[in-house]
Amino acid sequence: MEAAIDDWIEALAHVSQHDIEWACRIYLRDQPRRRPTPGDILSRAESRPRPERHSDHQKGGGDRTKLNVEQQRILDEQVLPKARRWLAERPTLANQAMKTLTFWGEDVSRLHPGDNVQ
């Protein structure tokens, strides 16, 4: 189960919550009898039409003030530490790790792939 969760996190870590929700709605509309894979949701999220909009992502950062207490706890205890581990331990995920850390306002100016950071 933990490996399956890691697959979902790895596949969707760089995707916004709004894009994931949109992709899930589209998937359920198109495939109501099948459970999605991480790749199913990722491919739909990446193909989402991009109208001109002014989201927090386009402004260059996540807005932690919009997170509820539980979402903030998950960000601080799971998402950001996992991104730091990816940076240190998984070169193929280093780009996504940097994007995630940067999006949430973490100082990445001294971090490089392969750094052992906590």
N, C-alpha and C. Protein backbone atom coordinates (compact mmCIF):
# COMPACT_ATOMS: atom_id res chain seq x y z
N MET A 1 0.83 -1.18 0.00
CA MET A 1 0.00 0.00 0.00
C MET A 1 0.88 1.26 0.00
N GLU A 2 1.94 1.25 0.82
CA GLU A 2 2.83 2.41 0.87
C GLU A 2 3.52 2.64 -0.47
N ALA A 3 3.90 1.58 -1.14
CA ALA A 3 4.53 1.72 -2.46
C ALA A 3 3.54 2.32 -3.46
N ALA A 4 2.28 1.90 -3.38
CA ALA A 4 1.26 2.46 -4.29
C ALA A 4 1.06 3.94 -4.01
N ILE A 5 1.04 4.31 -2.75
CA ILE A 5 0.91 5.73 -2.39
C ILE A 5 2.10 6.52 -2.91
N ASP A 6 3.30 5.97 -2.76
CA ASP A 6 4.50 6.64 -3.28
C ASP A 6 4.42 6.83 -4.79
N ASP A 7 3.86 5.84 -5.50
CA ASP A 7 3.70 5.97 -6.95
C ASP A 7 2.80 7.15 -7.29
N TRP A 8 1.70 7.27 -6.56
CA TRP A 8 0.78 8.39 -6.80
C TRP A 8 1.47 9.72 -6.49
N ILE A 9 2.19 9.78 -5.39
CA ILE A 9 2.87 11.03 -5.00
C ILE A 9 3.92 11.39 -6.03
N GLU A 10 4.72 10.43 -6.45
CA GLU A 10 5.76 10.70 -7.44
C GLU A 10 5.17 11.20 -8.75
N ALA A 11 4.08 10.58 -9.17
CA ALA A 11 3.48 10.94 -10.45
C ALA A 11 2.83 12.32 -10.41
N LEU A 12 2.27 12.70 -9.28
CA LEU A 12 1.44 13.91 -9.23
C LEU A 12 1.99 15.03 -8.36
N ALA A 13 3.19 14.88 -7.84
CA ALA A 13 3.74 15.87 -6.91
C ALA A 13 3.82 17.27 -7.51
N HIS A 14 4.07 17.37 -8.77
CA HIS A 14 4.24 18.67 -9.42
C HIS A 14 2.95 19.22 -10.00
N VAL A 15 1.85 18.49 -9.82
CA VAL A 15 0.57 18.88 -10.41
C VAL A 15 -0.27 19.58 -9.35
N SER A 16 -0.93 20.65 -9.72
CA SER A 16 -1.74 21.40 -8.76
C SER A 16 -2.96 20.58 -8.34
N GLN A 17 -3.46 20.89 -7.15
CA GLN A 17 -4.63 20.20 -6.64
C GLN A 17 -5.82 20.41 -7.57
N HIS A 18 -5.97 21.60 -8.11
CA HIS A 18 -7.08 21.89 -9.03
C HIS A 18 -6.98 21.03 -10.29
N ASP A 19 -5.78 20.87 -10.82
CA ASP A 19 -5.60 20.05 -12.02
C ASP A 19 -5.87 18.58 -11.73
N ILE A 20 -5.47 18.11 -10.54
CA ILE A 20 -5.73 16.72 -10.16
C ILE A 20 -7.23 16.49 -10.02
N GLU A 21 -7.92 17.42 -9.35
CA GLU A 21 -9.37 17.29 -9.19
C GLU A 21 -10.06 17.28 -10.55
N TRP A 22 -9.64 18.15 -11.43
CA TRP A 22 -10.22 18.21 -12.77
C TRP A 22 -9.98 16.89 -13.50
N ALA A 23 -8.76 16.39 -13.43
CA ALA A 23 -8.42 15.14 -14.11
C ALA A 23 -9.23 13.97 -13.55
N CYS A 24 -9.45 13.96 -12.25
CA CYS A 24 -10.25 12.89 -11.65
C CYS A 24 -11.70 12.95 -12.13
N ARG A 25 -12.26 14.15 -12.21
CA ARG A 25 -13.64 14.28 -12.71
C ARG A 25 -13.73 13.78 -14.15
N ILE A 26 -12.76 14.16 -14.97
CA ILE A 26 -12.77 13.74 -16.37
C ILE A 26 -12.61 12.22 -16.46
N TYR A 27 -11.70 11.67 -15.67
CA TYR A 27 -11.50 10.22 -15.69
C TYR A 27 -12.78 9.49 -15.31
N LEU A 28 -13.41 9.92 -14.22
CA LEU A 28 -14.63 9.25 -13.76
C LEU A 28 -15.77 9.37 -14.78
N ARG A 29 -15.80 10.49 -15.48
CA ARG A 29 -16.80 10.65 -16.54
C ARG A 29 -16.54 9.66 -17.68
N ASP A 30 -15.26 9.52 -18.06
CA ASP A 30 -14.90 8.68 -19.19
C ASP A 30 -14.78 7.19 -18.85
N GLN A 31 -14.38 6.90 -17.64
CA GLN A 31 -14.11 5.52 -17.22
C GLN A 31 -14.80 5.21 -15.89
N PRO A 32 -16.11 5.21 -15.81
CA PRO A 32 -16.79 5.08 -14.52
C PRO A 32 -16.63 3.71 -13.85
N ARG A 33 -16.19 2.73 -14.60
CA ARG A 33 -16.10 1.37 -14.03
C ARG A 33 -14.68 0.92 -13.72
N ARG A 34 -13.70 1.76 -14.01
CA ARG A 34 -12.30 1.39 -13.78
C ARG A 34 -11.65 2.34 -12.79
N ARG A 35 -10.79 1.82 -11.94
CA ARG A 35 -10.00 2.67 -11.05
C ARG A 35 -8.84 3.24 -11.85
N PRO A 36 -8.52 4.50 -11.61
CA PRO A 36 -7.43 5.10 -12.38
C PRO A 36 -6.06 4.68 -11.84
N THR A 37 -5.08 4.79 -12.71
CA THR A 37 -3.69 4.65 -12.30
C THR A 37 -3.13 6.06 -12.15
N PRO A 38 -1.98 6.21 -11.52
CA PRO A 38 -1.37 7.54 -11.46
C PRO A 38 -1.15 8.13 -12.85
N GLY A 39 -0.77 7.29 -13.80
CA GLY A 39 -0.55 7.76 -15.16
C GLY A 39 -1.83 8.25 -15.84
N ASP A 40 -2.95 7.61 -15.53
CA ASP A 40 -4.23 8.05 -16.08
C ASP A 40 -4.53 9.49 -15.66
N ILE A 41 -4.35 9.77 -14.38
CA ILE A 41 -4.65 11.10 -13.85
C ILE A 41 -3.61 12.10 -14.34
N LEU A 42 -2.35 11.71 -14.34
CA LEU A 42 -1.29 12.61 -14.80
C LEU A 42 -1.51 13.02 -16.25
N SER A 43 -1.81 12.07 -17.12
CA SER A 43 -1.97 12.41 -18.53
C SER A 43 -3.15 13.35 -18.74
N ARG A 44 -4.22 13.15 -17.99
CA ARG A 44 -5.36 14.06 -18.12
C ARG A 44 -5.03 15.43 -17.54
N ALA A 45 -4.36 15.48 -16.41
CA ALA A 45 -4.00 16.76 -15.81
C ALA A 45 -3.09 17.57 -16.72
N GLU A 46 -2.14 16.89 -17.36
CA GLU A 46 -1.21 17.58 -18.24
C GLU A 46 -1.87 18.04 -19.54
N SER A 47 -2.97 17.41 -19.90
CA SER A 47 -3.65 17.80 -21.14
C SER A 47 -4.79 18.79 -20.88
N ARG A 48 -4.93 19.23 -19.64
CA ARG A 48 -6.00 20.18 -19.31
C ARG A 48 -5.84 21.46 -20.12
N PRO A 49 -6.92 21.93 -20.72
CA PRO A 49 -6.84 23.20 -21.44
C PRO A 49 -6.44 24.32 -20.49
N ARG A 50 -5.61 25.22 -20.98
CA ARG A 50 -5.08 26.30 -20.14
C ARG A 50 -5.59 27.66 -20.59
N PRO A 51 -6.80 28.03 -20.16
CA PRO A 51 -7.26 29.38 -20.48
C PRO A 51 -6.45 30.40 -19.71
N GLU A 52 -6.50 31.63 -20.16
CA GLU A 52 -5.83 32.71 -19.45
C GLU A 52 -6.44 32.82 -18.06
N ARG A 53 -5.63 32.63 -17.06
CA ARG A 53 -6.13 32.74 -15.69
C ARG A 53 -5.01 33.20 -14.79
N HIS A 54 -5.37 33.68 -13.64
CA HIS A 54 -4.39 34.22 -12.69
C HIS A 54 -4.42 33.40 -11.42
N SER A 55 -3.85 32.21 -11.50
CA SER A 55 -3.82 31.34 -10.34
C SER A 55 -2.58 31.63 -9.51
N ASP A 56 -2.56 31.09 -8.30
CA ASP A 56 -1.38 31.23 -7.44
C ASP A 56 -0.16 30.63 -8.10
N HIS A 57 -0.36 29.53 -8.85
CA HIS A 57 0.78 28.89 -9.51
C HIS A 57 1.42 29.82 -10.52
N GLN A 58 0.60 30.56 -11.27
CA GLN A 58 1.15 31.47 -12.26
C GLN A 58 1.84 32.66 -11.59
N LYS A 59 1.43 33.00 -10.38
CA LYS A 59 2.09 34.09 -9.66
C LYS A 59 3.45 33.64 -9.13
N GLY A 60 3.71 32.34 -9.16
CA GLY A 60 5.01 31.85 -8.79
C GLY A 60 5.09 31.23 -7.41
N GLY A 61 3.98 30.99 -6.76
CA GLY A 61 4.08 30.36 -5.46
C GLY A 61 2.76 29.93 -4.88
N GLY A 62 2.85 28.96 -4.00
CA GLY A 62 1.67 28.49 -3.30
C GLY A 62 1.33 29.45 -2.17
N ASP A 63 0.08 29.55 -1.87
CA ASP A 63 -0.38 30.43 -0.80
C ASP A 63 -0.75 29.58 0.40
N ARG A 64 0.15 29.50 1.36
CA ARG A 64 -0.08 28.68 2.54
C ARG A 64 -1.25 29.19 3.38
N THR A 65 -1.59 30.46 3.24
CA THR A 65 -2.70 31.01 4.02
C THR A 65 -4.03 30.41 3.58
N LYS A 66 -4.08 29.82 2.39
CA LYS A 66 -5.32 29.21 1.90
C LYS A 66 -5.46 27.75 2.34
N LEU A 67 -4.44 27.22 3.01
CA LEU A 67 -4.48 25.84 3.48
C LEU A 67 -5.15 25.78 4.84
N ASN A 68 -5.94 24.73 5.04
CA ASN A 68 -6.49 24.54 6.38
C ASN A 68 -5.41 23.88 7.25
N VAL A 69 -5.70 23.68 8.52
CA VAL A 69 -4.70 23.16 9.46
C VAL A 69 -4.19 21.79 9.02
N GLU A 70 -5.10 20.92 8.58
CA GLU A 70 -4.69 19.58 8.16
C GLU A 70 -3.82 19.63 6.90
N GLN A 71 -4.19 20.47 5.95
CA GLN A 71 -3.40 20.60 4.72
C GLN A 71 -2.01 21.15 5.05
N GLN A 72 -1.92 22.11 5.97
CA GLN A 72 -0.63 22.67 6.38
C GLN A 72 0.24 21.59 7.03
N ARG A 73 -0.39 20.76 7.87
CA ARG A 73 0.34 19.67 8.53
C ARG A 73 0.88 18.70 7.48
N ILE A 74 0.07 18.34 6.52
CA ILE A 74 0.50 17.41 5.47
C ILE A 74 1.64 18.02 4.66
N LEU A 75 1.52 19.30 4.34
CA LEU A 75 2.59 19.99 3.60
C LEU A 75 3.90 19.93 4.39
N ASP A 76 3.84 20.31 5.67
CA ASP A 76 5.05 20.39 6.50
C ASP A 76 5.63 19.03 6.88
N GLU A 77 4.76 18.04 7.11
CA GLU A 77 5.23 16.75 7.62
C GLU A 77 5.43 15.70 6.53
N GLN A 78 4.81 15.89 5.35
CA GLN A 78 4.91 14.86 4.32
C GLN A 78 5.43 15.39 2.99
N VAL A 79 4.78 16.40 2.45
CA VAL A 79 5.11 16.85 1.10
C VAL A 79 6.52 17.44 1.03
N LEU A 80 6.82 18.43 1.86
CA LEU A 80 8.13 19.08 1.79
C LEU A 80 9.28 18.14 2.18
N PRO A 81 9.14 17.35 3.25
CA PRO A 81 10.22 16.39 3.54
C PRO A 81 10.43 15.38 2.41
N LYS A 82 9.33 14.93 1.78
CA LYS A 82 9.49 13.97 0.67
C LYS A 82 10.19 14.64 -0.50
N ALA A 83 9.86 15.90 -0.79
CA ALA A 83 10.54 16.62 -1.88
C ALA A 83 12.03 16.74 -1.58
N ARG A 84 12.38 17.01 -0.33
CA ARG A 84 13.80 17.10 0.04
C ARG A 84 14.50 15.75 -0.14
N ARG A 85 13.80 14.66 0.23
CA ARG A 85 14.37 13.32 0.04
C ARG A 85 14.56 13.02 -1.44
N TRP A 86 13.57 13.39 -2.26
CA TRP A 86 13.71 13.17 -3.70
C TRP A 86 14.93 13.88 -4.23
N LEU A 87 15.14 15.10 -3.77
CA LEU A 87 16.29 15.87 -4.22
C LEU A 87 17.58 15.14 -3.88
N ALA A 88 17.63 14.55 -2.70
CA ALA A 88 18.84 13.87 -2.24
C ALA A 88 19.00 12.47 -2.82
N GLU A 89 17.88 11.76 -2.98
CA GLU A 89 17.97 10.33 -3.26
C GLU A 89 17.51 9.89 -4.64
N ARG A 90 16.76 10.72 -5.35
CA ARG A 90 16.19 10.29 -6.63
C ARG A 90 16.47 11.33 -7.71
N PRO A 91 17.57 11.17 -8.40
CA PRO A 91 17.93 12.15 -9.43
C PRO A 91 16.84 12.36 -10.48
N THR A 92 16.08 11.32 -10.78
CA THR A 92 15.04 11.46 -11.80
C THR A 92 13.89 12.35 -11.32
N LEU A 93 13.79 12.55 -10.02
CA LEU A 93 12.71 13.38 -9.47
C LEU A 93 13.23 14.72 -8.96
N ALA A 94 14.50 15.01 -9.17
CA ALA A 94 15.09 16.25 -8.64
C ALA A 94 14.40 17.49 -9.19
N ASN A 95 14.05 17.48 -10.46
CA ASN A 95 13.38 18.64 -11.05
C ASN A 95 12.02 18.89 -10.40
N GLN A 96 11.25 17.82 -10.20
CA GLN A 96 9.96 17.97 -9.54
C GLN A 96 10.13 18.41 -8.09
N ALA A 97 11.15 17.89 -7.43
CA ALA A 97 11.42 18.28 -6.05
C ALA A 97 11.71 19.77 -5.95
N MET A 98 12.55 20.26 -6.84
CA MET A 98 12.88 21.70 -6.83
C MET A 98 11.64 22.54 -7.11
N LYS A 99 10.81 22.10 -8.05
CA LYS A 99 9.59 22.84 -8.36
C LYS A 99 8.66 22.88 -7.15
N THR A 100 8.51 21.75 -6.48
CA THR A 100 7.63 21.68 -5.31
C THR A 100 8.15 22.59 -4.21
N LEU A 101 9.44 22.49 -3.91
CA LEU A 101 10.01 23.31 -2.85
C LEU A 101 9.91 24.79 -3.19
N THR A 102 10.20 25.14 -4.43
CA THR A 102 10.13 26.53 -4.86
C THR A 102 8.69 27.04 -4.79
N PHE A 103 7.75 26.24 -5.26
CA PHE A 103 6.35 26.63 -5.26
C PHE A 103 5.88 27.00 -3.85
N TRP A 104 6.34 26.26 -2.86
CA TRP A 104 5.90 26.50 -1.49
C TRP A 104 6.82 27.45 -0.73
N GLY A 105 7.69 28.14 -1.47
CA GLY A 105 8.48 29.20 -0.85
C GLY A 105 9.69 28.74 -0.07
N GLU A 106 10.14 27.53 -0.29
CA GLU A 106 11.33 27.04 0.39
C GLU A 106 12.58 27.61 -0.27
N ASP A 107 13.58 27.92 0.51
CA ASP A 107 14.83 28.46 -0.03
C ASP A 107 15.62 27.31 -0.65
N VAL A 108 15.71 27.30 -1.97
CA VAL A 108 16.42 26.23 -2.68
C VAL A 108 17.72 26.74 -3.29
N SER A 109 18.10 27.96 -2.95
CA SER A 109 19.28 28.56 -3.58
C SER A 109 20.56 27.78 -3.29
N ARG A 110 20.61 27.07 -2.18
CA ARG A 110 21.82 26.32 -1.84
C ARG A 110 21.65 24.82 -2.00
N LEU A 111 20.51 24.41 -2.53
CA LEU A 111 20.23 22.98 -2.69
C LEU A 111 20.54 22.52 -4.10
N HIS A 112 21.07 21.33 -4.22
CA HIS A 112 21.38 20.75 -5.52
C HIS A 112 21.04 19.27 -5.47
N PRO A 113 20.68 18.67 -6.59
CA PRO A 113 20.42 17.22 -6.60
C PRO A 113 21.59 16.46 -5.98
N GLY A 114 21.26 15.51 -5.13
CA GLY A 114 22.27 14.72 -4.45
C GLY A 114 22.62 15.24 -3.07
N ASP A 115 22.17 16.47 -2.74
CA ASP A 115 22.40 17.00 -1.39
C ASP A 115 21.63 16.15 -0.40
N ASN A 116 22.21 15.89 0.74
CA ASN A 116 21.51 15.17 1.79
C ASN A 116 20.86 16.20 2.71
N VAL A 117 19.58 16.48 2.47
CA VAL A 117 18.86 17.51 3.23
C VAL A 117 17.70 16.89 3.97
N GLN A 118 17.34 17.46 5.07
CA GLN A 118 16.20 16.97 5.87
C GLN A 118 15.13 17.98 5.95
